[in-house]
Amino acid sequence: MVNLLAAAALAAAMPAPAPSATPALFVVRDADTTVYIFGTFHALDGQTQWFGNRVRGAFERSDKLVLETLVPEGPQPIIHTASAFRPPSVTPSASFLATTRMAISAGQAQGMQVGNGADMVLRHQAEAEGKPVEGLETLQLQIDMFNRMPPASGAANNKVSASDPAQMQGLSQAMASMQAAWKRGDQSVFVTMLGQLKTASPDTYRMMFTERNERWADWIRARMQSPGTVFVAVGAGHLAGPDSLLVRLAERGIPSQRVN
């Protein structure tokens, strides 16, 4: 159960292009600085037009795109990249990696592809326009986080199997539900998921969300000291719940407003 929740949380950072969608977009600003904060879903089915209207307008007004990290492009999703590059002296939770691959497979069963994800779409558009792209954290930092991910204990660590049709169907439905919520700009699904993860594995929740949101809030606070406009795109889960990036910004005296 813990690994299923963690894997779903990791996979829940995805977007793509035609019914129209309105994924959540926020903004923080002062007299000479504007930072747009966009919640992404890292893999999408490509059946919805999300990169238009206010999202596209905010992106075009921005001088720079900032993603969670700059992942080497290729057919393998980030968790596979992390596994391939892990230091030989560190052994990550095999069950966590296996369950994350299950989540990716479940998403693919719904037609979701990383190439359709918001991060990739935004990155390619920025590169095409000559817009600078940078990451909030390095790939090595993410790899180290995965390597330190605590293993699930007891029964929660034993019943995760890609050969279980019912389990795969349930995970596939969960991924579809999260994608639909993302398209609507509905944060409640992510709040529920995060609450379940926090209860099941407080350490995993802290590493994946609390600590990173703190660091990213500090980054935005520092960026507010320089004039200009920046488009920050992070997983939708980071913008939901009581420990969200938006809450951390508010604690630093930087209120946010929802744009759509």
Protein backbone atom coordinates (compact mmCIF):
# COMPACT_ATOMS: atom_id res chain seq x y z
CA MET A 1 0.00 0.00 0.00
CA VAL A 2 2.79 2.45 0.91
CA ASN A 3 4.61 1.79 -2.33
CA LEU A 4 1.41 2.13 -4.35
CA LEU A 5 0.75 5.54 -2.80
CA ALA A 6 4.34 6.70 -3.29
CA ALA A 7 4.43 5.50 -6.87
CA ALA A 8 1.14 7.20 -7.66
CA ALA A 9 2.44 10.41 -6.08
CA LEU A 10 5.62 10.22 -8.14
CA ALA A 11 3.68 9.57 -11.33
CA ALA A 12 1.28 12.45 -10.60
CA ALA A 13 3.17 15.26 -12.20
CA MET A 14 1.97 15.00 -15.90
CA PRO A 15 0.20 17.22 -18.84
CA ALA A 16 -0.51 17.27 -22.78
CA PRO A 17 -2.41 18.72 -25.83
CA ALA A 18 -8.96 18.58 -28.13
CA PRO A 19 -11.39 19.17 -25.49
CA SER A 20 -10.16 22.09 -23.44
CA ALA A 21 -8.67 21.57 -19.96
CA THR A 22 -7.97 24.05 -17.17
CA PRO A 23 -5.14 22.65 -15.03
CA ALA A 24 -4.27 24.70 -11.97
CA LEU A 25 -2.09 27.77 -12.54
CA PHE A 26 -1.08 30.19 -9.77
CA VAL A 27 0.91 33.41 -9.63
CA VAL A 28 2.94 35.33 -7.07
CA ARG A 29 4.14 38.83 -7.84
CA ASP A 30 5.47 42.09 -6.51
CA ALA A 31 6.22 45.43 -8.14
CA ASP A 32 8.77 44.10 -10.64
CA THR A 33 8.70 40.29 -10.42
CA THR A 34 6.12 37.72 -11.49
CA VAL A 35 6.41 33.98 -10.88
CA TYR A 36 3.79 31.72 -12.43
CA ILE A 37 3.46 28.34 -10.70
CA PHE A 38 1.92 25.60 -12.82
CA GLY A 39 0.91 22.16 -11.54
CA THR A 40 1.84 19.43 -14.01
CA PHE A 41 1.04 15.80 -14.66
CA HIS A 42 4.25 14.15 -15.96
CA ALA A 43 2.50 11.90 -18.52
CA LEU A 44 -0.76 12.51 -20.34
CA ASP A 45 -2.95 10.82 -22.93
CA GLY A 46 -2.60 13.65 -25.45
CA GLN A 47 -6.36 13.92 -25.93
CA THR A 48 -6.90 17.30 -24.28
CA GLN A 49 -5.82 20.82 -25.20
CA TRP A 50 -4.31 22.23 -22.01
CA PHE A 51 -1.50 24.42 -23.37
CA GLY A 52 -3.63 27.35 -24.41
CA ASN A 53 -5.45 30.39 -23.10
CA ARG A 54 -4.06 31.50 -19.74
CA VAL A 55 -1.40 28.80 -19.44
CA ARG A 56 0.06 29.61 -22.86
CA GLY A 57 -0.20 33.34 -22.20
CA ALA A 58 1.64 33.06 -18.89
CA PHE A 59 4.32 30.91 -20.51
CA GLU A 60 4.85 33.35 -23.38
CA ARG A 61 5.13 36.30 -21.00
CA SER A 62 7.85 34.51 -19.03
CA ASP A 63 11.56 35.01 -19.57
CA LYS A 64 12.51 31.53 -18.34
CA LEU A 65 11.05 28.07 -17.74
CA VAL A 66 11.92 26.32 -14.46
CA LEU A 67 11.16 22.61 -14.06
CA GLU A 68 11.66 20.27 -11.11
CA THR A 69 14.81 18.98 -12.79
CA LEU A 70 16.27 18.59 -16.27
CA VAL A 71 16.02 14.89 -17.05
CA PRO A 72 18.02 13.49 -19.99
CA GLU A 73 15.58 12.94 -22.83
CA GLY A 74 14.89 9.41 -24.04
CA PRO A 75 12.33 6.62 -23.90
CA GLN A 76 12.91 5.81 -20.22
CA PRO A 77 10.97 7.62 -17.48
CA ILE A 78 12.81 9.26 -14.62
CA ILE A 79 12.64 6.33 -12.21
CA HIS A 80 14.43 4.14 -14.75
CA THR A 81 17.04 6.85 -15.24
CA ALA A 82 17.51 7.08 -11.49
CA SER A 83 17.97 3.35 -11.22
CA ALA A 84 20.50 3.27 -14.03
CA PHE A 85 22.61 6.06 -12.53
CA ARG A 86 22.46 5.09 -8.87
CA PRO A 87 25.84 4.85 -7.09
CA PRO A 88 26.93 1.22 -6.64
CA SER A 89 27.29 1.74 -2.90
CA VAL A 90 23.59 2.57 -2.48
CA THR A 91 20.71 0.12 -2.82
CA PRO A 92 17.28 1.74 -3.29
CA SER A 93 14.06 0.06 -2.30
CA ALA A 94 13.52 -2.54 -5.01
CA SER A 95 9.83 -2.70 -4.15
CA PHE A 96 9.48 1.06 -4.57
CA LEU A 97 11.09 0.95 -8.02
CA ALA A 98 8.95 -2.02 -9.03
CA THR A 99 5.76 -0.34 -7.86
CA THR A 100 6.63 2.89 -9.64
CA ARG A 101 7.10 0.94 -12.85
CA MET A 102 3.66 -0.55 -12.19
CA ALA A 103 2.22 2.97 -11.93
CA ILE A 104 3.90 3.91 -15.20
CA SER A 105 2.52 0.79 -16.89
CA ALA A 106 -0.92 1.51 -15.48
CA GLY A 107 -0.76 5.02 -16.93
CA GLN A 108 0.33 3.66 -20.29
CA ALA A 109 -2.71 1.39 -20.25
CA GLN A 110 -4.75 4.61 -20.17
CA GLY A 111 -2.77 6.00 -23.12
CA MET A 112 -0.57 8.24 -20.97
CA GLN A 113 2.90 8.94 -22.33
CA VAL A 114 5.80 10.94 -20.89
CA GLY A 115 6.23 12.58 -24.30
CA ASN A 116 2.76 14.12 -23.86
CA GLY A 117 3.51 15.28 -20.32
CA ALA A 118 3.42 18.96 -19.51
CA ASP A 119 7.04 19.05 -18.47
CA MET A 120 8.19 17.71 -21.83
CA VAL A 121 5.78 19.85 -23.84
CA LEU A 122 6.83 23.00 -21.99
CA ARG A 123 10.52 22.16 -22.26
CA HIS A 124 10.34 21.55 -26.01
CA GLN A 125 8.38 24.77 -26.55
CA ALA A 126 10.88 26.77 -24.51
CA GLU A 127 13.81 25.29 -26.40
CA ALA A 128 12.09 26.02 -29.72
CA GLU A 129 11.66 29.67 -28.70
CA GLY A 130 15.17 29.99 -27.30
CA LYS A 131 13.78 30.46 -23.82
CA PRO A 132 16.21 29.43 -21.01
CA VAL A 133 15.30 26.27 -19.10
CA GLU A 134 16.65 25.28 -15.69
CA GLY A 135 15.82 22.92 -12.82
CA LEU A 136 14.93 23.57 -9.21
CA GLU A 137 17.06 20.58 -8.25
CA THR A 138 19.69 18.43 -9.90
CA LEU A 139 19.12 14.97 -11.29
CA GLN A 140 21.66 13.64 -8.78
CA LEU A 141 19.63 15.08 -5.91
CA GLN A 142 16.56 13.22 -7.18
CA ILE A 143 18.53 10.01 -7.60
CA ASP A 144 19.80 10.31 -4.04
CA MET A 145 16.25 10.85 -2.81
CA PHE A 146 15.03 7.68 -4.55
CA ASN A 147 17.98 5.75 -3.16
CA ARG A 148 17.10 6.85 0.38
CA MET A 149 13.40 6.08 -0.02
CA PRO A 150 12.36 3.98 2.99
CA PRO A 151 11.08 0.48 2.20
CA ALA A 152 7.52 -0.43 3.03
CA SER A 153 7.05 -2.75 5.96
CA GLY A 154 4.96 -5.82 6.60
CA ALA A 155 1.96 -6.60 4.45
CA ALA A 156 2.18 -3.20 2.76
CA ASN A 157 5.39 -4.36 1.08
CA ASN A 158 4.25 -7.82 -0.02
CA LYS A 159 1.12 -7.53 -2.13
CA VAL A 160 2.37 -5.34 -4.99
CA SER A 161 2.44 -7.42 -8.17
CA ALA A 162 2.10 -6.56 -11.84
CA SER A 163 0.75 -10.09 -12.35
CA ASP A 164 -2.33 -9.28 -10.27
CA PRO A 165 -4.98 -8.08 -12.78
CA ALA A 166 -7.23 -6.60 -10.10
CA GLN A 167 -4.37 -4.61 -8.62
CA MET A 168 -3.24 -3.33 -12.00
CA GLN A 169 -6.82 -2.40 -12.92
CA GLY A 170 -7.22 -0.48 -9.68
CA LEU A 171 -3.95 1.38 -10.22
CA SER A 172 -4.89 2.13 -13.82
CA GLN A 173 -8.22 3.56 -12.70
CA ALA A 174 -6.45 5.65 -10.06
CA MET A 175 -4.12 7.09 -12.67
CA ALA A 176 -7.07 7.91 -14.95
CA SER A 177 -8.88 9.57 -12.05
CA MET A 178 -5.86 11.72 -11.22
CA GLN A 179 -5.41 12.72 -14.86
CA ALA A 180 -9.08 13.72 -15.09
CA ALA A 181 -8.79 15.74 -11.89
CA TRP A 182 -5.66 17.44 -13.20
CA LYS A 183 -7.46 18.42 -16.41
CA ARG A 184 -10.28 19.98 -14.36
CA GLY A 185 -7.84 21.82 -12.11
CA ASP A 186 -9.32 19.87 -9.18
CA GLN A 187 -6.79 19.70 -6.34
CA SER A 188 -8.96 17.62 -4.00
CA VAL A 189 -7.88 14.27 -5.48
CA PHE A 190 -4.24 15.11 -4.81
CA VAL A 191 -5.04 16.31 -1.27
CA THR A 192 -6.62 12.92 -0.55
CA MET A 193 -3.73 10.99 -2.07
CA LEU A 194 -1.14 13.01 -0.16
CA GLY A 195 -3.02 12.51 3.10
CA GLN A 196 -3.00 8.75 2.54
CA LEU A 197 0.71 8.74 1.74
CA LYS A 198 1.52 10.86 4.80
CA THR A 199 -0.36 8.45 7.06
CA ALA A 200 1.11 5.32 5.47
CA SER A 201 4.73 6.50 5.23
CA PRO A 202 5.58 9.81 6.92
CA ASP A 203 9.25 9.59 5.89
CA THR A 204 8.44 9.08 2.21
CA TYR A 205 5.97 11.97 2.33
CA ARG A 206 8.54 14.20 4.04
CA MET A 207 11.25 13.42 1.50
CA MET A 208 9.07 13.67 -1.60
CA PHE A 209 6.94 16.66 -0.64
CA THR A 210 7.61 18.54 2.61
CA GLU A 211 11.37 18.99 2.24
CA ARG A 212 11.26 19.74 -1.48
CA ASN A 213 8.42 22.27 -1.09
CA GLU A 214 10.48 24.05 1.58
CA ARG A 215 13.50 24.27 -0.72
CA TRP A 216 11.45 25.41 -3.68
CA ALA A 217 9.71 28.09 -1.62
CA ASP A 218 13.13 29.41 -0.62
CA TRP A 219 14.15 29.43 -4.29
CA ILE A 220 11.07 31.44 -5.28
CA ARG A 221 11.55 33.85 -2.38
CA ALA A 222 15.12 34.49 -3.54
CA ARG A 223 13.97 34.85 -7.15
CA MET A 224 11.47 37.52 -6.11
CA GLN A 225 14.44 39.77 -5.38
CA SER A 226 15.23 40.01 -9.11
CA PRO A 227 12.95 41.64 -11.67
CA GLY A 228 11.41 39.62 -14.48
CA THR A 229 8.86 36.90 -15.15
CA VAL A 230 9.43 33.18 -14.59
CA PHE A 231 7.26 30.15 -15.34
CA VAL A 232 7.75 27.41 -12.71
CA ALA A 233 6.27 23.97 -13.50
CA VAL A 234 6.16 21.30 -10.76
CA GLY A 235 4.01 18.24 -10.14
CA ALA A 236 0.41 19.01 -9.25
CA GLY A 237 0.80 17.23 -5.92
CA HIS A 238 3.24 19.89 -4.78
CA LEU A 239 0.48 22.53 -4.99
CA ALA A 240 -2.05 20.62 -2.87
CA GLY A 241 -2.57 20.03 0.83
CA PRO A 242 -1.35 21.65 4.07
CA ASP A 243 2.35 21.23 3.25
CA SER A 244 2.15 22.52 -0.31
CA LEU A 245 4.55 24.88 -2.01
CA LEU A 246 1.83 27.55 -1.94
CA VAL A 247 1.42 27.18 1.83
CA ARG A 248 5.19 27.42 2.31
CA LEU A 249 5.24 30.61 0.22
CA ALA A 250 2.42 32.10 2.30
CA GLU A 251 4.43 31.35 5.44
CA ARG A 252 7.23 33.41 3.92
CA GLY A 253 4.91 36.34 3.30
CA ILE A 254 4.39 35.57 -0.39
CA PRO A 255 0.66 35.05 -1.08
CA SER A 256 -0.42 33.32 -4.29
CA GLN A 257 -3.47 33.77 -6.48
CA ARG A 258 -5.06 31.22 -8.75
CA VAL A 259 -5.07 32.29 -12.38
CA ASN A 260 -7.49 29.63 -13.70
